[in-house]
Amino acid sequence: MDATTYNPMARKRPLPLLSSGTHAQWFQLARHHFKKEGILYVLETTRDEYRLAKGMIGLQMSDKSKTPESTPDGESTTSSSTPTMVKEAERADLLAKWERDDASATYTMLICLGDFD
């Protein structure tokens, strides 16, 4: 494909095409771009490392960790605490964010690959 041919993907590229002539500058620009977008962390950490860093590993609530509570008539019941529910929802949100950011970084890199790749 020559330079005069219209390419709709060119408008979506935040970086120049990666080629043998641009590779040195490309990686530096890519790092700055991903940092600006707030998604550089997906290139520097795995999903499991991210989960560990955010304290999401081991937050599953088992029946043994439920706290007994008393009802007004003195009977004991078992229920889970509200903070744990918030942590479960927060965990789902954080994992969804990592997946979305990873997809965004992958998409950006793929549309910026030159023909030689």
PDB file of N, CA and C in Angstrom:
ATOM      1  N   MET A   1       0.849  -1.179   0.000  1.00  0.00           N
ATOM      2  CA  MET A   1       0.000   0.000   0.000  1.00  0.00           C
ATOM      3  C   MET A   1       0.890   1.236   0.000  1.00  0.00           C
ATOM      4  N   ASP A   2       0.654   2.136  -0.924  1.00  0.00           N
ATOM      5  CA  ASP A   2       1.503   3.325  -0.994  1.00  0.00           C
ATOM      6  C   ASP A   2       0.929   4.454  -0.141  1.00  0.00           C
ATOM      7  N   ALA A   3       1.692   5.511   0.017  1.00  0.00           N
ATOM      8  CA  ALA A   3       1.324   6.617   0.907  1.00  0.00           C
ATOM      9  C   ALA A   3       0.117   7.404   0.417  1.00  0.00           C
ATOM     10  N   THR A   4      -0.235   7.309  -0.854  1.00  0.00           N
ATOM     11  CA  THR A   4      -1.365   8.081  -1.382  1.00  0.00           C
ATOM     12  C   THR A   4      -2.697   7.364  -1.208  1.00  0.00           C
ATOM     13  N   THR A   5      -2.679   6.095  -0.854  1.00  0.00           N
ATOM     14  CA  THR A   5      -3.901   5.336  -0.654  1.00  0.00           C
ATOM     15  C   THR A   5      -4.523   5.717   0.688  1.00  0.00           C
ATOM     16  N   TYR A   6      -5.843   5.954   0.668  1.00  0.00           N
ATOM     17  CA  TYR A   6      -6.546   6.313   1.898  1.00  0.00           C
ATOM     18  C   TYR A   6      -6.604   5.114   2.831  1.00  0.00           C
ATOM     19  N   ASN A   7      -6.279   5.325   4.067  1.00  0.00           N
ATOM     20  CA  ASN A   7      -6.319   4.272   5.067  1.00  0.00           C
ATOM     21  C   ASN A   7      -7.084   4.788   6.280  1.00  0.00           C
ATOM     22  N   PRO A   8      -8.318   4.308   6.523  1.00  0.00           N
ATOM     23  CA  PRO A   8      -9.103   4.800   7.655  1.00  0.00           C
ATOM     24  C   PRO A   8      -8.456   4.517   9.006  1.00  0.00           C
ATOM     25  N   MET A   9      -7.610   3.486   9.092  1.00  0.00           N
ATOM     26  CA  MET A   9      -6.945   3.169  10.367  1.00  0.00           C
ATOM     27  C   MET A   9      -5.929   4.232  10.747  1.00  0.00           C
ATOM     28  N   ALA A  10      -5.395   4.937   9.757  1.00  0.00           N
ATOM     29  CA  ALA A  10      -4.371   5.952  10.039  1.00  0.00           C
ATOM     30  C   ALA A  10      -4.924   7.043  10.945  1.00  0.00           C
ATOM     31  N   ARG A  11      -6.189   7.351  10.817  1.00  0.00           N
ATOM     32  CA  ARG A  11      -6.791   8.400  11.657  1.00  0.00           C
ATOM     33  C   ARG A  11      -6.916   7.962  13.108  1.00  0.00           C
ATOM     34  N   LYS A  12      -6.987   6.662  13.353  1.00  0.00           N
ATOM     35  CA  LYS A  12      -7.155   6.144  14.710  1.00  0.00           C
ATOM     36  C   LYS A  12      -5.828   5.912  15.420  1.00  0.00           C
ATOM     37  N   ARG A  13      -4.740   5.971  14.704  1.00  0.00           N
ATOM     38  CA  ARG A  13      -3.432   5.683  15.292  1.00  0.00           C
ATOM     39  C   ARG A  13      -2.914   6.860  16.111  1.00  0.00           C
ATOM     40  N   PRO A  14      -2.698   6.649  17.399  1.00  0.00           N
ATOM     41  CA  PRO A  14      -2.114   7.704  18.220  1.00  0.00           C
ATOM     42  C   PRO A  14      -0.594   7.752  18.095  1.00  0.00           C
ATOM     43  N   LEU A  15      -0.022   6.736  17.455  1.00  0.00           N
ATOM     44  CA  LEU A  15       1.433   6.620  17.284  1.00  0.00           C
ATOM     45  C   LEU A  15       1.724   6.380  15.813  1.00  0.00           C
ATOM     46  N   PRO A  16       2.937   6.675  15.373  1.00  0.00           N
ATOM     47  CA  PRO A  16       3.290   6.340  13.992  1.00  0.00           C
ATOM     48  C   PRO A  16       3.370   4.817  13.833  1.00  0.00           C
ATOM     49  N   LEU A  17       3.385   4.366  12.612  1.00  0.00           N
ATOM     50  CA  LEU A  17       3.551   2.932  12.375  1.00  0.00           C
ATOM     51  C   LEU A  17       4.913   2.481  12.872  1.00  0.00           C
ATOM     52  N   LEU A  18       4.924   1.328  13.498  1.00  0.00           N
ATOM     53  CA  LEU A  18       6.186   0.737  13.938  1.00  0.00           C
ATOM     54  C   LEU A  18       6.861   0.112  12.725  1.00  0.00           C
ATOM     55  N   SER A  19       8.065   0.540  12.466  1.00  0.00           N
ATOM     56  CA  SER A  19       8.836  -0.009  11.348  1.00  0.00           C
ATOM     57  C   SER A  19      10.299  -0.072  11.761  1.00  0.00           C
ATOM     58  N   SER A  20      11.101  -0.630  10.890  1.00  0.00           N
ATOM     59  CA  SER A  20      12.527  -0.723  11.219  1.00  0.00           C
ATOM     60  C   SER A  20      13.160   0.659  11.341  1.00  0.00           C
ATOM     61  N   GLY A  21      12.596   1.656  10.654  1.00  0.00           N
ATOM     62  CA  GLY A  21      13.133   3.015  10.725  1.00  0.00           C
ATOM     63  C   GLY A  21      12.628   3.826  11.906  1.00  0.00           C
ATOM     64  N   THR A  22      11.506   3.398  12.509  1.00  0.00           N
ATOM     65  CA  THR A  22      10.923   4.183  13.609  1.00  0.00           C
ATOM     66  C   THR A  22      10.953   3.468  14.953  1.00  0.00           C
ATOM     67  N   HIS A  23      11.516   2.271  15.001  1.00  0.00           N
ATOM     68  CA  HIS A  23      11.400   1.474  16.223  1.00  0.00           C
ATOM     69  C   HIS A  23      11.989   2.134  17.470  1.00  0.00           C
ATOM     70  N   ALA A  24      13.106   2.784  17.362  1.00  0.00           N
ATOM     71  CA  ALA A  24      13.722   3.393  18.545  1.00  0.00           C
ATOM     72  C   ALA A  24      12.820   4.481  19.137  1.00  0.00           C
ATOM     73  N   GLN A  25      12.322   5.341  18.300  1.00  0.00           N
ATOM     74  CA  GLN A  25      11.445   6.410  18.767  1.00  0.00           C
ATOM     75  C   GLN A  25      10.058   5.879  19.128  1.00  0.00           C
ATOM     76  N   TRP A  26       9.599   4.849  18.404  1.00  0.00           N
ATOM     77  CA  TRP A  26       8.249   4.328  18.604  1.00  0.00           C
ATOM     78  C   TRP A  26       8.031   3.845  20.032  1.00  0.00           C
ATOM     79  N   PHE A  27       8.968   3.075  20.567  1.00  0.00           N
ATOM     80  CA  PHE A  27       8.801   2.528  21.908  1.00  0.00           C
ATOM     81  C   PHE A  27       8.792   3.627  22.967  1.00  0.00           C
ATOM     82  N   GLN A  28       9.580   4.651  22.762  1.00  0.00           N
ATOM     83  CA  GLN A  28       9.584   5.786  23.686  1.00  0.00           C
ATOM     84  C   GLN A  28       8.248   6.527  23.610  1.00  0.00           C
ATOM     85  N   LEU A  29       7.758   6.772  22.402  1.00  0.00           N
ATOM     86  CA  LEU A  29       6.456   7.435  22.229  1.00  0.00           C
ATOM     87  C   LEU A  29       5.322   6.581  22.793  1.00  0.00           C
ATOM     88  N   ALA A  30       5.387   5.278  22.564  1.00  0.00           N
ATOM     89  CA  ALA A  30       4.341   4.386  23.066  1.00  0.00           C
ATOM     90  C   ALA A  30       4.283   4.439  24.589  1.00  0.00           C
ATOM     91  N   ARG A  31       5.426   4.413  25.221  1.00  0.00           N
ATOM     92  CA  ARG A  31       5.466   4.470  26.690  1.00  0.00           C
ATOM     93  C   ARG A  31       4.832   5.763  27.195  1.00  0.00           C
ATOM     94  N   HIS A  32       5.169   6.889  26.568  1.00  0.00           N
ATOM     95  CA  HIS A  32       4.579   8.171  26.967  1.00  0.00           C
ATOM     96  C   HIS A  32       3.077   8.199  26.699  1.00  0.00           C
ATOM     97  N   HIS A  33       2.659   7.657  25.569  1.00  0.00           N
ATOM     98  CA  HIS A  33       1.232   7.631  25.237  1.00  0.00           C
ATOM     99  C   HIS A  33       0.443   6.814  26.253  1.00  0.00           C
ATOM    100  N   PHE A  34       0.923   5.612  26.568  1.00  0.00           N
ATOM    101  CA  PHE A  34       0.214   4.762  27.516  1.00  0.00           C
ATOM    102  C   PHE A  34       0.220   5.361  28.922  1.00  0.00           C
ATOM    103  N   LYS A  35       1.283   6.052  29.273  1.00  0.00           N
ATOM    104  CA  LYS A  35       1.332   6.735  30.566  1.00  0.00           C
ATOM    105  C   LYS A  35       0.308   7.867  30.601  1.00  0.00           C
ATOM    106  N   LYS A  36       0.215   8.621  29.520  1.00  0.00           N
ATOM    107  CA  LYS A  36      -0.759   9.715  29.420  1.00  0.00           C
ATOM    108  C   LYS A  36      -2.182   9.182  29.534  1.00  0.00           C
ATOM    109  N   GLU A  37      -2.431   8.032  28.928  1.00  0.00           N
ATOM    110  CA  GLU A  37      -3.764   7.433  28.945  1.00  0.00           C
ATOM    111  C   GLU A  37      -4.065   6.754  30.287  1.00  0.00           C
ATOM    112  N   GLY A  38      -3.050   6.610  31.136  1.00  0.00           N
ATOM    113  CA  GLY A  38      -3.241   5.970  32.436  1.00  0.00           C
ATOM    114  C   GLY A  38      -3.314   4.452  32.357  1.00  0.00           C
ATOM    115  N   ILE A  39      -2.756   3.878  31.297  1.00  0.00           N
ATOM    116  CA  ILE A  39      -2.830   2.430  31.129  1.00  0.00           C
ATOM    117  C   ILE A  39      -1.455   1.775  31.014  1.00  0.00           C
ATOM    118  N   LEU A  40      -0.412   2.493  31.349  1.00  0.00           N
ATOM    119  CA  LEU A  40       0.938   1.933  31.263  1.00  0.00           C
ATOM    120  C   LEU A  40       1.087   0.712  32.172  1.00  0.00           C
ATOM    121  N   TYR A  41       0.352   0.691  33.271  1.00  0.00           N
ATOM    122  CA  TYR A  41       0.481  -0.404  34.233  1.00  0.00           C
ATOM    123  C   TYR A  41       0.170  -1.773  33.614  1.00  0.00           C
ATOM    124  N   VAL A  42      -0.683  -1.842  32.590  1.00  0.00           N
ATOM    125  CA  VAL A  42      -0.996  -3.146  31.999  1.00  0.00           C
ATOM    126  C   VAL A  42       0.179  -3.707  31.203  1.00  0.00           C
ATOM    127  N   LEU A  43       1.105  -2.840  30.792  1.00  0.00           N
ATOM    128  CA  LEU A  43       2.297  -3.315  30.107  1.00  0.00           C
ATOM    129  C   LEU A  43       3.376  -3.729  31.101  1.00  0.00           C
ATOM    130  N   GLU A  44       3.274  -3.255  32.316  1.00  0.00           N
ATOM    131  CA  GLU A  44       4.308  -3.507  33.321  1.00  0.00           C
ATOM    132  C   GLU A  44       3.939  -4.589  34.326  1.00  0.00           C
ATOM    133  N   THR A  45       2.664  -4.979  34.378  1.00  0.00           N
ATOM    134  CA  THR A  45       2.223  -5.994  35.335  1.00  0.00           C
ATOM    135  C   THR A  45       1.302  -6.995  34.661  1.00  0.00           C
ATOM    136  N   THR A  46       1.312  -8.208  35.168  1.00  0.00           N
ATOM    137  CA  THR A  46       0.362  -9.204  34.699  1.00  0.00           C
ATOM    138  C   THR A  46      -0.950  -9.012  35.451  1.00  0.00           C
ATOM    139  N   ARG A  47      -1.969  -9.686  35.001  1.00  0.00           N
ATOM    140  CA  ARG A  47      -3.262  -9.584  35.675  1.00  0.00           C
ATOM    141  C   ARG A  47      -3.149 -10.072  37.126  1.00  0.00           C
ATOM    142  N   ASP A  48      -2.418 -11.167  37.357  1.00  0.00           N
ATOM    143  CA  ASP A  48      -2.251 -11.691  38.715  1.00  0.00           C
ATOM    144  C   ASP A  48      -1.432 -10.750  39.587  1.00  0.00           C
ATOM    145  N   GLU A  49      -0.393 -10.128  39.021  1.00  0.00           N
ATOM    146  CA  GLU A  49       0.387  -9.150  39.789  1.00  0.00           C
ATOM    147  C   GLU A  49      -0.479  -7.958  40.175  1.00  0.00           C
ATOM    148  N   TYR A  50      -1.350  -7.536  39.263  1.00  0.00           N
ATOM    149  CA  TYR A  50      -2.268  -6.423  39.541  1.00  0.00           C
ATOM    150  C   TYR A  50      -3.233  -6.803  40.651  1.00  0.00           C
ATOM    151  N   ARG A  51      -3.780  -8.008  40.584  1.00  0.00           N
ATOM    152  CA  ARG A  51      -4.700  -8.470  41.627  1.00  0.00           C
ATOM    153  C   ARG A  51      -4.001  -8.510  42.982  1.00  0.00           C
ATOM    154  N   LEU A  52      -2.775  -8.993  43.009  1.00  0.00           N
ATOM    155  CA  LEU A  52      -2.017  -9.076  44.253  1.00  0.00           C
ATOM    156  C   LEU A  52      -1.722  -7.679  44.802  1.00  0.00           C
ATOM    157  N   ALA A  53      -1.313  -6.761  43.926  1.00  0.00           N
ATOM    158  CA  ALA A  53      -0.983  -5.397  44.346  1.00  0.00           C
ATOM    159  C   ALA A  53      -2.214  -4.662  44.888  1.00  0.00           C
ATOM    160  N   LYS A  54      -3.371  -4.962  44.340  1.00  0.00           N
ATOM    161  CA  LYS A  54      -4.604  -4.310  44.788  1.00  0.00           C
ATOM    162  C   LYS A  54      -5.240  -5.035  45.965  1.00  0.00           C
ATOM    163  N   GLY A  55      -4.599  -6.095  46.446  1.00  0.00           N
ATOM    164  CA  GLY A  55      -5.117  -6.821  47.600  1.00  0.00           C
ATOM    165  C   GLY A  55      -6.357  -7.627  47.284  1.00  0.00           C
ATOM    166  N   MET A  56      -6.506  -8.051  46.047  1.00  0.00           N
ATOM    167  CA  MET A  56      -7.717  -8.772  45.665  1.00  0.00           C
ATOM    168  C   MET A  56      -7.586 -10.274  45.834  1.00  0.00           C
ATOM    169  N   ILE A  57      -6.389 -10.772  46.018  1.00  0.00           N
ATOM    170  CA  ILE A  57      -6.221 -12.209  46.188  1.00  0.00           C
ATOM    171  C   ILE A  57      -6.524 -12.561  47.635  1.00  0.00           C
ATOM    172  N   GLY A  58      -7.367 -13.546  47.823  1.00  0.00           N
ATOM    173  CA  GLY A  58      -7.723 -13.996  49.165  1.00  0.00           C
ATOM    174  C   GLY A  58      -8.879 -13.243  49.788  1.00  0.00           C
ATOM    175  N   LEU A  59      -9.618 -12.455  49.017  1.00  0.00           N
ATOM    176  CA  LEU A  59     -10.755 -11.737  49.580  1.00  0.00           C
ATOM    177  C   LEU A  59     -12.060 -12.515  49.477  1.00  0.00           C
ATOM    178  N   GLN A  60     -12.033 -13.718  48.904  1.00  0.00           N
ATOM    179  CA  GLN A  60     -13.247 -14.511  48.804  1.00  0.00           C
ATOM    180  C   GLN A  60     -13.739 -14.807  50.214  1.00  0.00           C
ATOM    181  N   MET A  61     -15.023 -14.662  50.423  1.00  0.00           N
ATOM    182  CA  MET A  61     -15.570 -14.892  51.747  1.00  0.00           C
ATOM    183  C   MET A  61     -16.090 -16.311  51.832  1.00  0.00           C
ATOM    184  N   SER A  62     -15.617 -17.068  52.796  1.00  0.00           N
ATOM    185  CA  SER A  62     -16.104 -18.429  52.998  1.00  0.00           C
ATOM    186  C   SER A  62     -17.133 -18.422  54.122  1.00  0.00           C
ATOM    187  N   ASP A  63     -17.824 -19.558  54.277  1.00  0.00           N
ATOM    188  CA  ASP A  63     -18.822 -19.650  55.343  1.00  0.00           C
ATOM    189  C   ASP A  63     -18.176 -19.493  56.717  1.00  0.00           C
ATOM    190  N   LYS A  64     -16.920 -19.911  56.875  1.00  0.00           N
ATOM    191  CA  LYS A  64     -16.238 -19.811  58.165  1.00  0.00           C
ATOM    192  C   LYS A  64     -15.955 -18.363  58.556  1.00  0.00           C
ATOM    193  N   SER A  65     -15.863 -17.483  57.590  1.00  0.00           N
ATOM    194  CA  SER A  65     -15.510 -16.099  57.911  1.00  0.00           C
ATOM    195  C   SER A  65     -16.726 -15.219  58.112  1.00  0.00           C
ATOM    196  N   LYS A  66     -17.913 -15.784  57.983  1.00  0.00           N
ATOM    197  CA  LYS A  66     -19.113 -14.997  58.235  1.00  0.00           C
ATOM    198  C   LYS A  66     -19.248 -14.761  59.731  1.00  0.00           C
ATOM    199  N   THR A  67     -19.750 -13.613  60.090  1.00  0.00           N
ATOM    200  CA  THR A  67     -19.816 -13.247  61.498  1.00  0.00           C
ATOM    201  C   THR A  67     -21.211 -13.513  62.051  1.00  0.00           C
ATOM    202  N   PRO A  68     -21.322 -14.141  63.229  1.00  0.00           N
ATOM    203  CA  PRO A  68     -22.638 -14.364  63.826  1.00  0.00           C
ATOM    204  C   PRO A  68     -23.187 -13.053  64.378  1.00  0.00           C
ATOM    205  N   GLU A  69     -24.473 -12.866  64.225  1.00  0.00           N
ATOM    206  CA  GLU A  69     -25.133 -11.684  64.762  1.00  0.00           C
ATOM    207  C   GLU A  69     -26.368 -12.135  65.518  1.00  0.00           C
ATOM    208  N   SER A  70     -26.785 -11.352  66.474  1.00  0.00           N
ATOM    209  CA  SER A  70     -27.974 -11.679  67.246  1.00  0.00           C
ATOM    210  C   SER A  70     -29.165 -10.900  66.720  1.00  0.00           C
ATOM    211  N   THR A  71     -30.318 -11.573  66.721  1.00  0.00           N
ATOM    212  CA  THR A  71     -31.555 -10.908  66.342  1.00  0.00           C
ATOM    213  C   THR A  71     -32.161 -10.295  67.589  1.00  0.00           C
ATOM    214  N   PRO A  72     -33.154  -9.426  67.453  1.00  0.00           N
ATOM    215  CA  PRO A  72     -33.754  -8.811  68.639  1.00  0.00           C
ATOM    216  C   PRO A  72     -34.307  -9.815  69.639  1.00  0.00           C
ATOM    217  N   ASP A  73     -34.753 -10.993  69.200  1.00  0.00           N
ATOM    218  CA  ASP A  73     -35.290 -11.972  70.150  1.00  0.00           C
ATOM    219  C   ASP A  73     -34.223 -12.919  70.689  1.00  0.00           C
ATOM    220  N   GLY A  74     -32.944 -12.635  70.415  1.00  0.00           N
ATOM    221  CA  GLY A  74     -31.845 -13.381  70.999  1.00  0.00           C
ATOM    222  C   GLY A  74     -31.330 -14.534  70.167  1.00  0.00           C
ATOM    223  N   GLU A  75     -31.954 -14.831  69.035  1.00  0.00           N
ATOM    224  CA  GLU A  75     -31.474 -15.922  68.190  1.00  0.00           C
ATOM    225  C   GLU A  75     -30.221 -15.482  67.432  1.00  0.00           C
ATOM    226  N   SER A  76     -29.351 -16.433  67.207  1.00  0.00           N
ATOM    227  CA  SER A  76     -28.114 -16.134  66.498  1.00  0.00           C
ATOM    228  C   SER A  76     -28.287 -16.430  65.011  1.00  0.00           C
ATOM    229  N   THR A  77     -27.841 -15.510  64.188  1.00  0.00           N
ATOM    230  CA  THR A  77     -27.878 -15.712  62.737  1.00  0.00           C
ATOM    231  C   THR A  77     -26.485 -15.477  62.184  1.00  0.00           C
ATOM    232  N   THR A  78     -26.263 -15.933  61.008  1.00  0.00           N
ATOM    233  CA  THR A  78     -24.973 -15.718  60.357  1.00  0.00           C
ATOM    234  C   THR A  78     -25.201 -14.870  59.124  1.00  0.00           C
ATOM    235  N   SER A  79     -24.418 -13.801  59.002  1.00  0.00           N
ATOM    236  CA  SER A  79     -24.536 -12.954  57.814  1.00  0.00           C
ATOM    237  C   SER A  79     -23.162 -12.447  57.436  1.00  0.00           C
ATOM    238  N   SER A  80     -23.032 -12.044  56.194  1.00  0.00           N
ATOM    239  CA  SER A  80     -21.759 -11.478  55.770  1.00  0.00           C
ATOM    240  C   SER A  80     -21.782  -9.988  56.039  1.00  0.00           C
ATOM    241  N   SER A  81     -20.612  -9.415  56.227  1.00  0.00           N
ATOM    242  CA  SER A  81     -20.534  -7.996  56.557  1.00  0.00           C
ATOM    243  C   SER A  81     -20.603  -7.146  55.301  1.00  0.00           C
ATOM    244  N   THR A  82     -21.074  -5.940  55.421  1.00  0.00           N
ATOM    245  CA  THR A  82     -21.196  -5.014  54.297  1.00  0.00           C
ATOM    246  C   THR A  82     -19.844  -4.674  53.675  1.00  0.00           C
ATOM    247  N   PRO A  83     -18.775  -4.434  54.483  1.00  0.00           N
ATOM    248  CA  PRO A  83     -17.488  -4.119  53.857  1.00  0.00           C
ATOM    249  C   PRO A  83     -17.013  -5.202  52.881  1.00  0.00           C
ATOM    250  N   THR A  84     -17.282  -6.485  53.188  1.00  0.00           N
ATOM    251  CA  THR A  84     -16.880  -7.549  52.292  1.00  0.00           C
ATOM    252  C   THR A  84     -17.647  -7.465  50.984  1.00  0.00           C
ATOM    253  N   MET A  85     -18.923  -7.131  51.049  1.00  0.00           N
ATOM    254  CA  MET A  85     -19.720  -6.977  49.836  1.00  0.00           C
ATOM    255  C   MET A  85     -19.147  -5.843  48.977  1.00  0.00           C
ATOM    256  N   VAL A  86     -18.747  -4.773  49.629  1.00  0.00           N
ATOM    257  CA  VAL A  86     -18.154  -3.659  48.898  1.00  0.00           C
ATOM    258  C   VAL A  86     -16.859  -4.114  48.254  1.00  0.00           C
ATOM    259  N   LYS A  87     -16.056  -4.893  48.959  1.00  0.00           N
ATOM    260  CA  LYS A  87     -14.802  -5.383  48.403  1.00  0.00           C
ATOM    261  C   LYS A  87     -15.050  -6.296  47.213  1.00  0.00           C
ATOM    262  N   GLU A  88     -16.105  -7.109  47.268  1.00  0.00           N
ATOM    263  CA  GLU A  88     -16.429  -7.981  46.138  1.00  0.00           C
ATOM    264  C   GLU A  88     -16.797  -7.145  44.907  1.00  0.00           C
ATOM    265  N   ALA A  89     -17.597  -6.122  45.106  1.00  0.00           N
ATOM    266  CA  ALA A  89     -17.983  -5.245  43.996  1.00  0.00           C
ATOM    267  C   ALA A  89     -16.772  -4.469  43.488  1.00  0.00           C
ATOM    268  N   GLU A  90     -15.932  -4.028  44.410  1.00  0.00           N
ATOM    269  CA  GLU A  90     -14.723  -3.293  44.030  1.00  0.00           C
ATOM    270  C   GLU A  90     -13.778  -4.191  43.243  1.00  0.00           C
ATOM    271  N   ARG A  91     -13.684  -5.451  43.652  1.00  0.00           N
ATOM    272  CA  ARG A  91     -12.829  -6.402  42.952  1.00  0.00           C
ATOM    273  C   ARG A  91     -13.305  -6.573  41.511  1.00  0.00           C
ATOM    274  N   ALA A  92     -14.589  -6.730  41.333  1.00  0.00           N
ATOM    275  CA  ALA A  92     -15.140  -6.897  39.981  1.00  0.00           C
ATOM    276  C   ALA A  92     -14.865  -5.657  39.134  1.00  0.00           C
ATOM    277  N   ASP A  93     -15.011  -4.481  39.726  1.00  0.00           N
ATOM    278  CA  ASP A  93     -14.751  -3.234  39.001  1.00  0.00           C
ATOM    279  C   ASP A  93     -13.279  -3.104  38.621  1.00  0.00           C
ATOM    280  N   LEU A  94     -12.381  -3.440  39.545  1.00  0.00           N
ATOM    281  CA  LEU A  94     -10.952  -3.334  39.274  1.00  0.00           C
ATOM    282  C   LEU A  94     -10.507  -4.331  38.198  1.00  0.00           C
ATOM    283  N   LEU A  95     -11.038  -5.547  38.252  1.00  0.00           N
ATOM    284  CA  LEU A  95     -10.685  -6.524  37.229  1.00  0.00           C
ATOM    285  C   LEU A  95     -11.235  -6.112  35.866  1.00  0.00           C
ATOM    286  N   ALA A  96     -12.439  -5.563  35.847  1.00  0.00           N
ATOM    287  CA  ALA A  96     -13.015  -5.080  34.590  1.00  0.00           C
ATOM    288  C   ALA A  96     -12.175  -3.928  34.037  1.00  0.00           C
ATOM    289  N   LYS A  97     -11.693  -3.052  34.931  1.00  0.00           N
ATOM    290  CA  LYS A  97     -10.841  -1.933  34.499  1.00  0.00           C
ATOM    291  C   LYS A  97      -9.543  -2.464  33.896  1.00  0.00           C
ATOM    292  N   TRP A  98      -8.915  -3.455  34.545  1.00  0.00           N
ATOM    293  CA  TRP A  98      -7.672  -4.014  34.020  1.00  0.00           C
ATOM    294  C   TRP A  98      -7.916  -4.633  32.647  1.00  0.00           C
ATOM    295  N   GLU A  99      -8.985  -5.386  32.501  1.00  0.00           N
ATOM    296  CA  GLU A  99      -9.300  -6.022  31.217  1.00  0.00           C
ATOM    297  C   GLU A  99      -9.530  -4.971  30.128  1.00  0.00           C
ATOM    298  N   ARG A 100     -10.259  -3.915  30.456  1.00  0.00           N
ATOM    299  CA  ARG A 100     -10.541  -2.838  29.496  1.00  0.00           C
ATOM    300  C   ARG A 100      -9.258  -2.117  29.097  1.00  0.00           C
ATOM    301  N   ASP A 101      -8.422  -1.803  30.086  1.00  0.00           N
ATOM    302  CA  ASP A 101      -7.160  -1.112  29.803  1.00  0.00           C
ATOM    303  C   ASP A 101      -6.197  -1.997  29.011  1.00  0.00           C
ATOM    304  N   ASP A 102      -6.178  -3.283  29.308  1.00  0.00           N
ATOM    305  CA  ASP A 102      -5.338  -4.213  28.561  1.00  0.00           C
ATOM    306  C   ASP A 102      -5.798  -4.289  27.104  1.00  0.00           C
ATOM    307  N   ALA A 103      -7.096  -4.362  26.892  1.00  0.00           N
ATOM    308  CA  ALA A 103      -7.626  -4.407  25.526  1.00  0.00           C
ATOM    309  C   ALA A 103      -7.302  -3.119  24.768  1.00  0.00           C
ATOM    310  N   SER A 104      -7.386  -1.993  25.456  1.00  0.00           N
ATOM    311  CA  SER A 104      -7.084  -0.707  24.825  1.00  0.00           C
ATOM    312  C   SER A 104      -5.615  -0.629  24.410  1.00  0.00           C
ATOM    313  N   ALA A 105      -4.718  -1.059  25.283  1.00  0.00           N
ATOM    314  CA  ALA A 105      -3.283  -1.036  24.962  1.00  0.00           C
ATOM    315  C   ALA A 105      -2.971  -2.001  23.817  1.00  0.00           C
ATOM    316  N   THR A 106      -3.568  -3.182  23.849  1.00  0.00           N
ATOM    317  CA  THR A 106      -3.340  -4.165  22.786  1.00  0.00           C
ATOM    318  C   THR A 106      -3.847  -3.639  21.450  1.00  0.00           C
ATOM    319  N   TYR A 107      -5.032  -3.059  21.446  1.00  0.00           N
ATOM    320  CA  TYR A 107      -5.601  -2.498  20.219  1.00  0.00           C
ATOM    321  C   TYR A 107      -4.693  -1.405  19.653  1.00  0.00           C
ATOM    322  N   THR A 108      -4.238  -0.511  20.505  1.00  0.00           N
ATOM    323  CA  THR A 108      -3.368   0.574  20.054  1.00  0.00           C
ATOM    324  C   THR A 108      -2.093   0.027  19.427  1.00  0.00           C
ATOM    325  N   MET A 109      -1.501  -0.969  20.063  1.00  0.00           N
ATOM    326  CA  MET A 109      -0.272  -1.535  19.513  1.00  0.00           C
ATOM    327  C   MET A 109      -0.528  -2.251  18.184  1.00  0.00           C
ATOM    328  N   LEU A 110      -1.639  -2.966  18.095  1.00  0.00           N
ATOM    329  CA  LEU A 110      -1.925  -3.711  16.865  1.00  0.00           C
ATOM    330  C   LEU A 110      -2.181  -2.808  15.664  1.00  0.00           C
ATOM    331  N   ILE A 111      -2.875  -1.686  15.879  1.00  0.00           N
ATOM    332  CA  ILE A 111      -3.142  -0.811  14.731  1.00  0.00           C
ATOM    333  C   ILE A 111      -1.926   0.005  14.343  1.00  0.00           C
ATOM    334  N   CYS A 112      -0.886  -0.032  15.156  1.00  0.00           N
ATOM    335  CA  CYS A 112       0.327   0.717  14.856  1.00  0.00           C
ATOM    336  C   CYS A 112       1.458  -0.162  14.326  1.00  0.00           C
ATOM    337  N   LEU A 113       1.169  -1.420  14.044  1.00  0.00           N
ATOM    338  CA  LEU A 113       2.190  -2.303  13.486  1.00  0.00           C
ATOM    339  C   LEU A 113       2.311  -2.056  11.996  1.00  0.00           C
ATOM    340  N   GLY A 114       3.530  -2.028  11.523  1.00  0.00           N
ATOM    341  CA  GLY A 114       3.772  -1.871  10.096  1.00  0.00           C
ATOM    342  C   GLY A 114       3.582  -3.192   9.365  1.00  0.00           C
ATOM    343  N   ASP A 115       3.678  -3.164   8.071  1.00  0.00           N
ATOM    344  CA  ASP A 115       3.475  -4.358   7.241  1.00  0.00           C
ATOM    345  C   ASP A 115       4.538  -5.422   7.456  1.00  0.00           C
ATOM    346  N   PHE A 116       5.715  -5.024   7.897  1.00  0.00           N
ATOM    347  CA  PHE A 116       6.806  -5.993   8.060  1.00  0.00           C
ATOM    348  C   PHE A 116       6.571  -6.924   9.240  1.00  0.00           C
ATOM    349  N   ASP A 117       5.642  -6.555  10.145  1.00  0.00           N
ATOM    350  CA  ASP A 117       5.391  -7.362  11.325  1.00  0.00           C
ATOM    351  C   ASP A 117       4.389  -8.414  10.955  1.00  0.00           C
TER     352      ASP A 117
END
